């Protein structure tokens, strides 16, 4: 048999991609794009009975229109079940995107992001199903997984019940740009937040009677930086990074509302990342200690201090696959068969792969041309997209 990758209909693949890019589906509002993907799969020959939704959205702590979309393709030859995954949602900046082709790229009109992250992945999975069915290619049982709310916290993958995957032994996730890159690991992330409740007073008449929540927050951040917990973090027992992302008041408003009032409330939110889960926690603990020290430094005339509530939660765990892992070896074989020298990558950003690996399904992430993601300059490189389709089809059909 000729190389199955050569059977990919690139023109049809680009039509799928252009259509899916035109369907809005920002994070948490994936119903329309899920229906569009389902329709494309059925047009490709997947029976409606093979397409279903799980109930992960009922466990996600923020409103989410639908569960993860799951598709089961029976094998045409024996072998362990493979999982192919991608995510349905885009970042909010993609709302209203109007895709158009410029040479070998698909771009937006410049007022929004495009949504190649991760409509390229959605199109690749549709192409996999379409190519397998159209050419009756031999393949093991395959599950296609389209997750929700990846962009706002990997929620769909996190809340996925692994039993929904039919015993898949490995996963190929599609979410990247360069076809040579195989992401085999990624950092874990801890989210932290702190609520500081001070005491208001007239800043001109009696500033000593107030407890400035803003000052407690500022001193806490300064202390975290002084102790080496901000930005790039390198300690004898580990390394990672951290950031303060939000410093404000209640419900997204400013901390305080007048210059003549000592600010009585502030809210701060940040993150910590590391390839070592314990060290990511340690970075968060460093911030906790910094705010505790700041709390003790800011007092009113009676010696009272602010109330400081610090909380920390795991956003996603880190993971790293060995080069000898079966899924890494399979992906390496596929790239080499297409004349590509694999570049094994450890990512400093989280992926659905973090949670899929945690669920017991070793996962590599391949790429399909998305570029300049989350910006109005975002585009899809069409030759790279076509190569991503070929890689995925080959991965689906390789003999074990």
Protein backbone atom coordinates (compact mmCIF):
# COMPACT_ATOMS: atom_id res chain seq x y z
CA UNK A 1 0.00 0.00 0.00
CA UNK A 2 1.24 3.52 -0.74
CA UNK A 3 1.91 5.87 2.14
CA UNK A 4 -1.53 6.67 3.65
CA UNK A 5 -0.35 10.25 4.22
CA UNK A 6 -0.32 10.73 0.45
CA UNK A 7 -4.08 10.12 0.38
CA UNK A 8 -4.89 13.33 2.25
CA UNK A 9 -7.01 15.62 0.07
CA UNK A 10 -5.29 18.91 0.89
CA UNK A 11 -7.85 21.06 -0.93
CA UNK A 12 -10.71 19.43 0.98
CA UNK A 13 -8.75 19.80 4.22
CA UNK A 14 -8.38 23.53 3.62
CA UNK A 15 -12.12 23.81 2.98
CA UNK A 16 -12.80 22.13 6.33
CA UNK A 17 -10.37 24.49 8.06
CA UNK A 18 -11.80 27.64 6.49
CA UNK A 19 -15.32 26.60 7.47
CA UNK A 20 -14.43 25.79 11.07
CA UNK A 21 -12.49 29.04 11.44
CA UNK A 22 -15.65 30.92 10.47
CA UNK A 23 -17.73 29.35 13.26
CA UNK A 24 -17.56 31.28 16.52
CA UNK A 25 -16.92 29.32 19.68
CA UNK A 26 -14.99 31.17 22.35
CA UNK A 27 -14.13 29.38 25.55
CA UNK A 28 -17.24 28.28 27.42
CA UNK A 29 -19.47 28.82 24.38
CA UNK A 30 -18.58 25.81 22.26
CA UNK A 31 -22.06 24.59 21.26
CA UNK A 32 -22.00 25.99 17.71
CA UNK A 33 -18.49 24.80 16.87
CA UNK A 34 -19.22 21.37 18.36
CA UNK A 35 -22.27 21.09 16.11
CA UNK A 36 -20.24 22.21 13.10
CA UNK A 37 -17.57 19.58 13.80
CA UNK A 38 -20.25 16.93 14.27
CA UNK A 39 -21.87 17.87 10.97
CA UNK A 40 -18.52 17.75 9.16
CA UNK A 41 -17.81 14.30 10.60
CA UNK A 42 -21.20 12.98 9.54
CA UNK A 43 -20.73 14.39 6.04
CA UNK A 44 -17.41 12.50 5.96
CA UNK A 45 -19.26 9.28 6.72
CA UNK A 46 -19.15 8.99 10.50
CA UNK A 47 -22.55 7.72 11.68
CA UNK A 48 -24.41 9.97 14.10
CA UNK A 49 -24.57 7.05 16.54
CA UNK A 50 -20.77 7.20 16.89
CA UNK A 51 -20.85 10.85 18.04
CA UNK A 52 -21.68 11.82 21.61
CA UNK A 53 -21.11 14.38 24.35
CA UNK A 54 -19.94 13.70 27.87
CA UNK A 55 -21.11 15.58 30.97
CA UNK A 56 -17.80 17.26 31.86
CA UNK A 57 -19.51 20.65 31.65
CA UNK A 58 -21.62 19.77 34.69
CA UNK A 59 -18.40 19.55 36.73
CA UNK A 60 -16.69 22.63 35.34
CA UNK A 61 -16.94 25.44 37.93
CA UNK A 62 -17.78 28.14 35.37
CA UNK A 63 -20.69 28.17 32.88
CA UNK A 64 -19.99 25.92 29.87
CA UNK A 65 -22.54 25.29 27.12
CA UNK A 66 -21.70 21.70 26.34
CA UNK A 67 -19.58 18.74 27.32
CA UNK A 68 -16.62 17.34 25.43
CA UNK A 69 -17.40 15.94 21.97
CA UNK A 70 -16.34 12.29 21.63
CA UNK A 71 -16.32 10.14 18.51
CA UNK A 72 -15.72 6.38 18.40
CA UNK A 73 -14.39 4.82 15.20
CA UNK A 74 -14.33 1.00 15.19
CA UNK A 75 -11.06 -0.55 14.13
CA UNK A 76 -10.66 -2.21 10.75
CA UNK A 77 -7.75 -4.26 12.08
CA UNK A 78 -6.80 -5.45 15.58
CA UNK A 79 -4.74 -3.24 17.85
CA UNK A 80 -4.93 -1.12 20.99
CA UNK A 81 -7.22 1.89 20.84
CA UNK A 82 -5.69 5.22 19.82
CA UNK A 83 -6.93 8.61 21.02
CA UNK A 84 -6.68 11.78 18.95
CA UNK A 85 -7.51 15.01 20.76
CA UNK A 86 -7.81 18.73 20.24
CA UNK A 87 -9.86 21.56 21.73
CA UNK A 88 -12.97 23.25 20.40
CA UNK A 89 -12.69 26.64 22.04
CA UNK A 90 -10.80 29.79 21.10
CA UNK A 91 -9.74 32.77 23.18
CA UNK A 92 -12.30 35.62 23.39
CA UNK A 93 -10.17 37.76 21.06
CA UNK A 94 -11.31 35.45 18.23
CA UNK A 95 -14.98 36.48 18.52
CA UNK A 96 -16.23 37.68 15.15
CA UNK A 97 -13.22 36.41 13.21
CA UNK A 98 -13.47 36.68 9.43
CA UNK A 99 -10.93 34.27 7.92
CA UNK A 100 -9.53 34.90 4.46
CA UNK A 101 -6.72 33.41 2.43
CA UNK A 102 -3.56 35.33 1.58
CA UNK A 103 -1.20 33.15 -0.43
CA UNK A 104 -0.12 30.21 1.72
CA UNK A 105 -1.76 31.62 4.82
CA UNK A 106 -5.20 32.05 6.31
CA UNK A 107 -5.47 35.32 8.23
CA UNK A 108 -8.13 37.39 9.97
CA UNK A 109 -9.14 40.90 8.98
CA UNK A 110 -6.76 42.31 11.60
CA UNK A 111 -9.40 43.31 14.15
CA UNK A 112 -9.61 39.93 15.89
CA UNK A 113 -7.46 36.89 16.43
CA UNK A 114 -8.10 34.07 13.95
CA UNK A 115 -8.75 30.95 16.00
CA UNK A 116 -6.19 28.70 14.38
CA UNK A 117 -5.62 27.68 17.99
CA UNK A 118 -7.21 25.25 17.78
CA UNK A 119 -9.45 25.07 14.73
CA UNK A 120 -6.42 23.61 12.96
CA UNK A 121 -6.69 20.68 15.36
CA UNK A 122 -10.44 20.34 14.79
CA UNK A 123 -9.90 20.27 11.03
CA UNK A 124 -7.06 17.73 11.32
CA UNK A 125 -9.27 15.31 13.26
CA UNK A 126 -12.06 15.68 10.71
CA UNK A 127 -9.53 14.99 7.95
CA UNK A 128 -8.30 11.88 9.76
CA UNK A 129 -11.82 10.44 9.92
CA UNK A 130 -12.60 11.47 6.35
CA UNK A 131 -9.40 9.95 4.92
CA UNK A 132 -9.74 6.69 6.82
CA UNK A 133 -13.33 6.21 5.72
CA UNK A 134 -12.97 7.41 2.13
CA UNK A 135 -10.06 5.07 1.41
CA UNK A 136 -11.05 2.25 3.77
CA UNK A 137 -7.62 2.40 5.40
CA UNK A 138 -6.74 -0.28 7.94
CA UNK A 139 -6.51 1.16 11.44
CA UNK A 140 -7.04 0.11 15.06
CA UNK A 141 -10.00 1.38 17.10
CA UNK A 142 -9.79 5.18 17.35
CA UNK A 143 -11.44 7.74 19.61
CA UNK A 144 -11.56 11.41 18.65
CA UNK A 145 -11.82 13.86 21.56
CA UNK A 146 -12.74 17.53 21.15
CA UNK A 147 -12.49 19.26 24.53
CA UNK A 148 -14.16 22.39 25.88
CA UNK A 149 -12.69 25.27 27.87
CA UNK A 150 -9.07 24.46 27.17
CA UNK A 151 -8.21 28.14 26.83
CA UNK A 152 -9.68 29.08 30.21
CA UNK A 153 -8.01 26.43 32.32
CA UNK A 154 -7.91 23.03 30.57
CA UNK A 155 -11.28 22.37 32.21
CA UNK A 156 -12.71 19.95 29.65
CA UNK A 157 -9.69 17.66 29.84
CA UNK A 158 -9.48 18.02 33.60
CA UNK A 159 -13.11 17.01 34.18
CA UNK A 160 -13.05 14.23 31.60
CA UNK A 161 -13.94 10.78 32.91
CA UNK A 162 -11.19 8.49 31.55
CA UNK A 163 -13.76 5.72 31.16
CA UNK A 164 -15.19 7.72 28.24
CA UNK A 165 -12.03 6.97 26.23
CA UNK A 166 -12.65 3.25 25.77
CA UNK A 167 -9.31 2.11 27.11
CA UNK A 168 -7.11 4.17 24.77
CA UNK A 169 -3.46 3.36 25.40
CA UNK A 170 -1.92 6.48 23.89
CA UNK A 171 -3.00 9.89 22.58
CA UNK A 172 -1.99 12.27 19.82
CA UNK A 173 -3.02 15.82 20.70
CA UNK A 174 -3.04 18.44 17.92
CA UNK A 175 -2.11 21.91 19.16
CA UNK A 176 0.93 23.69 17.73
CA UNK A 177 2.69 25.19 14.73
CA UNK A 178 5.85 23.48 13.49
CA UNK A 179 5.34 19.90 12.22
CA UNK A 180 8.82 18.88 13.40
CA UNK A 181 7.95 19.67 17.02
CA UNK A 182 6.74 16.82 19.24
CA UNK A 183 5.75 18.09 22.66
CA UNK A 184 6.47 15.28 25.11
CA UNK A 185 6.12 17.19 28.38
CA UNK A 186 4.98 20.41 29.96
CA UNK A 187 5.20 22.36 33.20
CA UNK A 188 2.52 22.25 35.86
CA UNK A 189 0.79 25.35 37.16
CA UNK A 190 -0.46 26.53 40.54
CA UNK A 191 -2.89 29.43 40.73
CA UNK A 192 -2.85 31.66 43.80
CA UNK A 193 -5.01 34.52 44.92
CA UNK A 194 -5.09 36.78 47.92
CA UNK A 195 -7.87 38.92 49.35
CA UNK A 196 -6.74 41.75 51.58
CA UNK A 197 -9.30 43.47 53.78
CA UNK A 198 -7.97 46.62 55.35
CA UNK A 199 -9.77 49.55 56.97
CA UNK A 200 -10.95 52.75 55.32
CA UNK A 201 -10.24 56.17 56.76
CA UNK A 202 -9.87 59.71 55.49
CA UNK A 203 -6.45 59.82 53.89
CA UNK A 204 -5.98 63.49 54.71
CA UNK A 205 -7.65 63.91 58.08
CA UNK A 206 -6.80 60.60 59.76
CA UNK A 207 -4.62 58.35 57.61
CA UNK A 208 -3.25 56.68 60.75
CA UNK A 209 -6.69 55.23 61.44
CA UNK A 210 -6.73 53.32 58.18
CA UNK A 211 -5.13 50.07 57.05
CA UNK A 212 -4.23 50.23 53.38
CA UNK A 213 -5.02 47.00 51.56
CA UNK A 214 -3.19 48.39 48.53
CA UNK A 215 -0.01 48.89 50.53
CA UNK A 216 -0.19 45.38 51.98
CA UNK A 217 -0.49 44.01 48.44
CA UNK A 218 2.36 46.15 47.13
CA UNK A 219 4.67 45.22 50.00
CA UNK A 220 3.78 41.57 49.58
CA UNK A 221 4.75 41.64 45.91
CA UNK A 222 7.96 43.52 46.67
CA UNK A 223 8.84 40.93 49.32
CA UNK A 224 8.13 38.05 46.92
CA UNK A 225 10.44 39.62 44.38
CA UNK A 226 13.14 40.29 46.97
CA UNK A 227 13.04 36.64 48.04
CA UNK A 228 13.39 35.44 44.45
CA UNK A 229 9.85 34.14 43.90
CA UNK A 230 8.83 36.54 41.09
CA UNK A 231 9.49 36.02 37.38
CA UNK A 232 12.15 33.46 36.59
CA UNK A 233 12.62 31.44 39.76
CA UNK A 234 15.80 29.48 40.44
CA UNK A 235 16.43 27.94 43.83
CA UNK A 236 18.69 25.13 45.08
CA UNK A 237 15.68 22.79 45.21
CA UNK A 238 14.07 23.64 41.88
CA UNK A 239 13.23 26.14 39.16
CA UNK A 240 10.15 27.63 37.56
CA UNK A 241 8.41 30.94 36.98
CA UNK A 242 5.68 33.09 38.45
CA UNK A 243 3.61 36.15 37.71
CA UNK A 244 1.11 38.53 39.27
CA UNK A 245 -1.68 38.94 36.75
CA UNK A 246 -4.45 40.83 38.54
CA UNK A 247 -4.24 43.56 41.19
CA UNK A 248 -7.59 45.23 41.73
CA UNK A 249 -10.77 45.31 43.73
CA UNK A 250 -14.03 43.42 43.83
CA UNK A 251 -15.68 42.11 40.67
CA UNK A 252 -12.99 43.43 38.35
CA UNK A 253 -13.16 47.06 39.47
CA UNK A 254 -10.25 49.11 40.74
CA UNK A 255 -8.86 48.68 44.22
CA UNK A 256 -10.29 51.78 45.87
CA UNK A 257 -12.29 54.55 44.27
CA UNK A 258 -10.87 57.82 45.63
CA UNK A 259 -7.45 59.23 46.47
CA UNK A 260 -8.66 60.64 49.79
CA UNK A 261 -9.74 57.27 51.19
CA UNK A 262 -7.36 54.65 52.55
CA UNK A 263 -8.13 51.56 50.44
CA UNK A 264 -9.95 48.93 52.45
CA UNK A 265 -9.90 46.02 49.96
CA UNK A 266 -7.59 44.59 47.31
CA UNK A 267 -7.59 41.37 45.31
CA UNK A 268 -4.53 39.88 43.68
CA UNK A 269 -4.25 36.82 41.47
CA UNK A 270 -1.19 35.15 40.03
CA UNK A 271 0.37 31.89 38.98
CA UNK A 272 3.40 29.69 39.53
CA UNK A 273 4.82 27.17 37.04
CA UNK A 274 7.43 24.45 37.28
CA UNK A 275 8.25 21.06 35.77
CA UNK A 276 8.18 19.82 39.38
CA UNK A 277 4.72 19.88 40.99
CA UNK A 278 6.16 20.24 44.49
CA UNK A 279 8.27 23.22 43.46
CA UNK A 280 5.30 24.96 41.83
CA UNK A 281 3.58 24.64 45.21
CA UNK A 282 6.73 25.99 46.89
CA UNK A 283 6.62 29.11 44.70
CA UNK A 284 3.04 29.69 45.79
CA UNK A 285 4.10 29.18 49.40
CA UNK A 286 6.75 31.85 48.86
CA UNK A 287 4.03 34.33 47.93
CA UNK A 288 1.96 33.23 50.92
CA UNK A 289 4.86 34.00 53.26
CA UNK A 290 5.51 37.33 51.53
CA UNK A 291 1.94 38.54 52.05
CA UNK A 292 2.01 37.37 55.66
CA UNK A 293 5.11 39.49 56.26
CA UNK A 294 3.49 42.47 54.54
CA UNK A 295 0.37 42.02 56.67
CA UNK A 296 2.46 42.42 59.82
CA UNK A 297 4.11 45.61 58.54
CA UNK A 298 0.99 47.69 57.85
CA UNK A 299 -0.89 48.72 60.99
CA UNK A 300 -3.31 51.40 62.12
CA UNK A 301 -2.81 53.64 65.14
CA UNK A 302 -4.07 50.89 67.45
CA UNK A 303 -1.75 48.24 66.05
CA UNK A 304 -4.40 46.34 64.10
CA UNK A 305 -3.50 44.73 60.79
CA UNK A 306 -5.40 43.79 57.64
CA UNK A 307 -7.07 40.44 57.16
CA UNK A 308 -5.24 38.45 54.52
CA UNK A 309 -6.83 35.38 52.91
CA UNK A 310 -4.43 33.47 50.68
CA UNK A 311 -5.61 30.49 48.61
CA UNK A 312 -3.75 28.25 46.21
CA UNK A 313 -5.04 25.59 43.80
CA UNK A 314 -3.54 23.30 41.17
CA UNK A 315 -4.42 24.36 37.63
CA UNK A 316 -2.78 21.36 36.00
CA UNK A 317 0.00 18.87 36.82
CA UNK A 318 3.33 18.66 35.01
CA UNK A 319 4.30 15.63 32.94
CA UNK A 320 7.22 14.37 30.88
CA UNK A 321 7.34 11.29 28.67
CA UNK A 322 10.48 9.28 28.08
CA UNK A 323 11.77 9.09 24.53
CA UNK A 324 11.22 5.33 24.79
CA UNK A 325 7.48 5.72 25.51
CA UNK A 326 5.41 3.91 22.85
CA UNK A 327 3.53 7.05 21.82
CA UNK A 328 6.77 9.02 21.41
CA UNK A 329 8.28 6.21 19.35
CA UNK A 330 5.13 6.04 17.19
CA UNK A 331 5.15 9.79 16.56
CA UNK A 332 8.88 9.73 15.82
CA UNK A 333 8.36 6.95 13.26
CA UNK A 334 5.61 8.93 11.55
CA UNK A 335 7.69 12.09 11.22
CA UNK A 336 10.73 10.20 9.98
CA UNK A 337 8.60 8.40 7.39
CA UNK A 338 7.69 11.83 6.04
CA UNK A 339 11.31 12.98 5.97
CA UNK A 340 11.04 15.12 9.10
CA UNK A 341 13.64 15.07 11.88
CA UNK A 342 11.64 15.21 15.14
CA UNK A 343 12.35 17.97 17.64
CA UNK A 344 11.34 16.74 21.09
CA UNK A 345 9.99 19.69 23.07
CA UNK A 346 9.22 20.37 26.73
CA UNK A 347 6.62 23.14 26.90
CA UNK A 348 6.48 25.99 29.38
CA UNK A 349 2.73 26.24 28.80
CA UNK A 350 -0.05 23.87 29.79
CA UNK A 351 -1.88 21.63 27.33
CA UNK A 352 -4.79 19.21 27.44
CA UNK A 353 -1.97 16.66 27.33
CA UNK A 354 -1.15 17.50 30.97
CA UNK A 355 -4.51 16.17 32.12
CA UNK A 356 -4.77 13.35 29.57
CA UNK A 357 -1.44 12.04 30.83
CA UNK A 358 -2.73 12.38 34.39
CA UNK A 359 -5.79 10.35 33.36
CA UNK A 360 -3.47 7.53 32.34
CA UNK A 361 -3.20 8.13 28.59
CA UNK A 362 0.38 9.06 27.59
CA UNK A 363 0.08 11.95 25.16
CA UNK A 364 2.30 13.64 22.59
CA UNK A 365 1.26 16.89 20.97
CA UNK A 366 1.80 17.41 17.26
CA UNK A 367 1.44 20.61 15.27
CA UNK A 368 -0.61 21.82 12.31
CA UNK A 369 0.40 25.35 11.41
CA UNK A 370 -1.17 27.71 13.95
CA UNK A 371 1.00 30.82 14.42
CA UNK A 372 1.03 34.12 16.36
CA UNK A 373 -1.80 32.71 18.47
CA UNK A 374 -3.90 34.89 20.77
CA UNK A 375 -3.07 38.02 18.77
CA UNK A 376 -4.66 39.95 15.90
CA UNK A 377 -1.64 38.88 13.82
CA UNK A 378 -2.58 35.20 14.13
CA UNK A 379 -2.45 33.11 10.97
CA UNK A 380 -2.42 29.51 9.79
CA UNK A 381 0.50 28.35 7.67
CA UNK A 382 -1.23 26.15 5.10
CA UNK A 383 1.74 23.97 4.08
CA UNK A 384 2.32 23.23 7.77
CA UNK A 385 -1.39 22.52 8.22
CA UNK A 386 -1.30 20.06 5.33
CA UNK A 387 1.73 18.35 6.85
CA UNK A 388 -0.09 18.13 10.19
CA UNK A 389 -2.95 16.34 8.42
CA UNK A 390 -0.54 13.90 6.81
CA UNK A 391 1.23 13.20 10.10
CA UNK A 392 -2.07 12.51 11.86
CA UNK A 393 -3.32 10.14 9.13
CA UNK A 394 -0.03 8.26 9.21
CA UNK A 395 -0.19 8.00 13.02
CA UNK A 396 -3.68 6.54 12.72
CA UNK A 397 -2.59 3.84 10.29
CA UNK A 398 0.93 2.83 11.37
CA UNK A 399 1.37 -0.83 12.20
CA UNK A 400 2.29 -1.40 15.85
